[in-house]
Structure formats: C-alpha cells, structure tokens
N, C-alpha and C. Protein backbone atom coordinates (compact mmCIF):
# COMPACT_ATOMS: atom_id res chain seq x y z
N MET A 1 -108.88 -31.17 17.65
CA MET A 1 -108.50 -32.49 17.25
C MET A 1 -107.27 -33.02 18.42
N ARG A 2 -107.62 -34.46 18.71
CA ARG A 2 -107.10 -34.81 19.78
C ARG A 2 -106.20 -36.09 19.40
N LEU A 3 -105.07 -36.68 20.09
CA LEU A 3 -104.15 -37.71 19.70
C LEU A 3 -104.81 -38.83 20.65
N ILE A 4 -105.16 -39.91 19.95
CA ILE A 4 -105.87 -40.95 20.71
C ILE A 4 -104.83 -42.17 20.57
N HIS A 5 -104.87 -43.11 21.77
CA HIS A 5 -104.43 -44.48 21.64
C HIS A 5 -104.98 -45.38 21.37
N LYS A 6 -104.70 -46.54 20.77
CA LYS A 6 -105.50 -47.38 20.22
C LYS A 6 -106.41 -48.03 21.63
N ASN A 7 -106.19 -47.99 22.90
CA ASN A 7 -106.90 -48.14 24.08
C ASN A 7 -107.95 -46.98 24.19
N GLY A 8 -108.23 -46.18 23.54
CA GLY A 8 -109.17 -45.08 23.46
C GLY A 8 -108.79 -43.79 24.40
N LYS A 9 -107.67 -43.86 25.07
CA LYS A 9 -107.47 -42.72 25.71
C LYS A 9 -106.50 -41.64 25.07
N GLU A 10 -106.88 -40.38 25.40
CA GLU A 10 -106.19 -39.26 24.73
C GLU A 10 -104.57 -39.16 25.28
N VAL A 11 -103.68 -38.98 24.45
CA VAL A 11 -102.29 -39.03 24.81
C VAL A 11 -102.31 -37.54 25.22
N GLN A 12 -101.36 -37.46 26.32
CA GLN A 12 -101.11 -35.96 26.93
C GLN A 12 -99.53 -35.78 27.19
N VAL A 13 -99.00 -34.97 27.08
CA VAL A 13 -97.68 -34.54 27.68
C VAL A 13 -97.31 -35.22 29.05
N GLY A 14 -96.32 -36.03 29.10
CA GLY A 14 -96.18 -36.57 30.25
C GLY A 14 -96.46 -37.90 30.48
N ASP A 15 -97.41 -38.44 29.65
CA ASP A 15 -97.68 -39.77 29.70
C ASP A 15 -96.73 -40.96 28.77
N GLU A 16 -96.85 -42.01 29.34
CA GLU A 16 -95.67 -42.99 29.17
C GLU A 16 -96.51 -43.77 28.05
N VAL A 17 -95.78 -43.96 27.06
CA VAL A 17 -96.22 -44.81 25.74
C VAL A 17 -95.19 -45.99 25.44
N VAL A 18 -95.61 -46.82 24.61
CA VAL A 18 -94.76 -47.98 24.32
C VAL A 18 -94.98 -48.30 22.79
N SER A 19 -93.74 -48.27 22.18
CA SER A 19 -93.67 -48.35 20.83
C SER A 19 -93.93 -49.68 20.24
N PHE A 20 -94.29 -49.91 18.96
CA PHE A 20 -94.60 -51.48 18.37
C PHE A 20 -93.34 -52.13 18.67
N ARG A 21 -92.21 -51.83 18.85
CA ARG A 21 -91.06 -52.48 19.31
C ARG A 21 -90.95 -52.84 20.83
N GLY A 22 -91.79 -52.15 21.43
CA GLY A 22 -91.78 -52.67 23.00
C GLY A 22 -91.02 -51.61 23.88
N GLU A 23 -90.41 -50.79 23.15
CA GLU A 23 -89.56 -49.57 23.81
C GLU A 23 -90.47 -48.43 24.62
N LYS A 24 -90.05 -48.14 25.97
CA LYS A 24 -90.98 -47.35 26.69
C LYS A 24 -90.39 -46.12 26.51
N ALA A 25 -91.30 -44.96 26.47
CA ALA A 25 -90.93 -43.52 26.36
C ALA A 25 -91.83 -42.70 27.13
N THR A 26 -91.71 -41.31 27.36
CA THR A 26 -92.47 -40.59 27.97
C THR A 26 -92.75 -39.11 26.90
N VAL A 27 -93.85 -38.88 26.65
CA VAL A 27 -94.35 -37.62 25.87
C VAL A 27 -93.92 -36.62 26.17
N ILE A 28 -93.08 -35.72 25.34
CA ILE A 28 -92.68 -34.28 25.93
C ILE A 28 -93.16 -33.46 24.94
N SER A 29 -93.85 -33.73 23.78
CA SER A 29 -94.62 -32.68 22.77
C SER A 29 -95.59 -33.32 21.89
N ILE A 30 -96.41 -32.67 21.67
CA ILE A 30 -97.50 -33.22 20.35
C ILE A 30 -97.47 -32.15 19.30
N GLN A 31 -97.06 -32.62 18.07
CA GLN A 31 -97.28 -31.80 17.08
C GLN A 31 -98.64 -31.96 16.11
N GLU A 32 -99.54 -31.35 16.00
CA GLU A 32 -100.60 -31.44 15.17
C GLU A 32 -99.99 -31.43 13.57
N PRO A 33 -100.85 -32.12 12.69
CA PRO A 33 -100.39 -32.25 11.31
C PRO A 33 -100.73 -30.90 10.85
N HIS A 34 -99.73 -30.50 9.94
CA HIS A 34 -99.85 -29.08 9.40
C HIS A 34 -100.61 -29.00 7.88
N THR A 35 -100.60 -30.15 7.40
CA THR A 35 -101.24 -30.10 5.76
C THR A 35 -101.94 -31.61 5.79
N PRO A 36 -103.03 -31.53 5.26
CA PRO A 36 -103.63 -32.82 4.97
C PRO A 36 -102.97 -34.23 4.74
N ALA A 37 -101.72 -33.84 4.13
CA ALA A 37 -100.91 -35.33 4.00
C ALA A 37 -99.94 -35.58 5.15
N SER A 38 -100.08 -34.65 6.04
CA SER A 38 -99.04 -34.84 7.11
C SER A 38 -99.70 -35.72 8.24
N THR A 39 -98.97 -36.22 8.99
CA THR A 39 -99.42 -37.02 10.35
C THR A 39 -99.25 -36.64 11.62
N GLY A 40 -98.63 -35.26 11.55
CA GLY A 40 -98.13 -35.01 12.87
C GLY A 40 -96.84 -35.55 13.53
N ARG A 41 -96.59 -35.12 14.51
CA ARG A 41 -95.34 -35.77 15.29
C ARG A 41 -95.61 -36.07 16.51
N LEU A 42 -95.02 -37.34 17.24
CA LEU A 42 -95.26 -37.23 18.90
C LEU A 42 -93.72 -37.28 19.25
N TYR A 43 -93.18 -36.34 19.90
CA TYR A 43 -91.80 -36.13 20.64
C TYR A 43 -92.04 -36.64 21.86
N VAL A 44 -91.03 -37.69 22.21
CA VAL A 44 -90.73 -38.43 23.19
C VAL A 44 -89.34 -38.44 23.76
N LYS A 45 -89.23 -38.69 25.03
CA LYS A 45 -88.05 -38.89 25.69
C LYS A 45 -87.86 -40.36 26.16
N GLU A 46 -86.57 -40.96 25.52
CA GLU A 46 -86.71 -42.67 25.49
C GLU A 46 -85.87 -42.74 26.87
N GLU A 47 -85.92 -44.24 27.23
CA GLU A 47 -85.15 -44.52 28.51
C GLU A 47 -83.68 -44.19 28.72
N GLY A 48 -83.27 -43.85 27.48
CA GLY A 48 -81.64 -43.60 27.68
C GLY A 48 -81.52 -42.15 27.80
N GLY A 49 -82.84 -41.52 27.72
CA GLY A 49 -82.43 -40.12 27.76
C GLY A 49 -82.50 -39.13 26.38
N TRP A 50 -82.39 -40.01 25.27
CA TRP A 50 -82.77 -39.56 23.94
C TRP A 50 -84.03 -38.66 23.57
N GLU A 51 -84.06 -37.74 23.13
CA GLU A 51 -85.27 -37.23 22.42
C GLU A 51 -85.59 -37.00 21.14
N GLN A 52 -86.61 -37.53 20.76
CA GLN A 52 -86.96 -37.99 19.45
C GLN A 52 -88.38 -37.67 18.83
N GLY A 53 -88.41 -37.35 17.45
CA GLY A 53 -89.68 -37.40 17.06
C GLY A 53 -90.04 -38.40 16.32
N TYR A 54 -91.54 -38.85 16.04
CA TYR A 54 -91.69 -40.19 15.76
C TYR A 54 -93.38 -39.93 15.17
N TYR A 55 -93.74 -40.63 14.09
CA TYR A 55 -95.01 -40.84 13.62
C TYR A 55 -95.96 -41.26 14.60
N PRO A 56 -97.19 -40.62 14.93
CA PRO A 56 -97.84 -41.20 16.03
C PRO A 56 -98.32 -42.59 15.94
N SER A 57 -98.30 -43.22 14.82
CA SER A 57 -98.57 -44.74 14.67
C SER A 57 -97.46 -45.39 15.06
N VAL A 58 -96.28 -45.05 15.43
CA VAL A 58 -95.04 -45.80 16.04
C VAL A 58 -95.64 -46.33 17.60
N PHE A 59 -96.46 -45.48 18.11
CA PHE A 59 -97.11 -45.70 19.38
C PHE A 59 -98.43 -46.15 19.43
N ASP A 60 -98.97 -46.46 18.42
CA ASP A 60 -100.32 -46.98 18.07
C ASP A 60 -101.45 -45.88 18.43
N CYS A 61 -101.08 -44.62 17.98
CA CYS A 61 -101.96 -43.44 18.13
C CYS A 61 -102.57 -42.97 16.91
N GLU A 62 -103.75 -42.28 16.94
CA GLU A 62 -104.35 -41.72 15.72
C GLU A 62 -104.74 -40.36 15.99
N TRP A 63 -105.11 -39.61 15.07
CA TRP A 63 -105.94 -38.20 15.28
C TRP A 63 -107.14 -38.49 15.31
N GLU A 64 -108.04 -37.94 16.25
CA GLU A 64 -109.51 -38.09 16.23
C GLU A 64 -109.73 -36.52 16.03
N GLY A 65 -110.69 -36.45 15.25
CA GLY A 65 -111.47 -35.15 15.00
C GLY A 65 -110.67 -34.00 14.05
N ARG A 66 -110.13 -34.90 12.95
CA ARG A 66 -109.55 -34.25 11.79
C ARG A 66 -110.50 -33.88 11.02
N THR A 67 -110.33 -32.40 10.42
CA THR A 67 -111.21 -32.05 9.52
C THR A 67 -110.56 -31.41 8.26
N ASP A 68 -109.23 -31.86 7.92
CA ASP A 68 -108.38 -31.23 7.25
C ASP A 68 -108.62 -32.21 6.01
N ARG A 69 -109.10 -33.29 6.00
CA ARG A 69 -109.13 -34.61 5.12
C ARG A 69 -110.63 -34.78 4.33
C-alpha cells in the first residue's frame, strides 16, 4: 500500500506537502490504516515547528493498493 498525492507521486518521509489551506509542512511519518474504516495518518512538521497528525485528505493524498475494503 502506498500513499499517493493527487499529482500521482508517492508521498515519502521528508517530502514537502501543502494543505488545502495553503499551509506548507514536511512529512515526518506515515501511518497506514489499521482497520477498514481507518484513513491512516500523515504526520508533519509545520513551518512554526509544530508536529501534528492529519488525515491524508488534508494534503490531497489517498491510499493506493488497499486490500482491506
């Protein structure tokens, strides 16, 4: 399973992503979904130094290759 940005590129730790609000952040960790109902999480470090977890859709990302649904 891979996390894919809407531009078709795989998201990896260290990548810069932009939220739907236009806020830039750097990916620090990716958590795959743990149940069929889960979306997983994308953990980022924001410009102010805050580290936060978000739904992948906040950064226009989705899982490719899910087999649990």
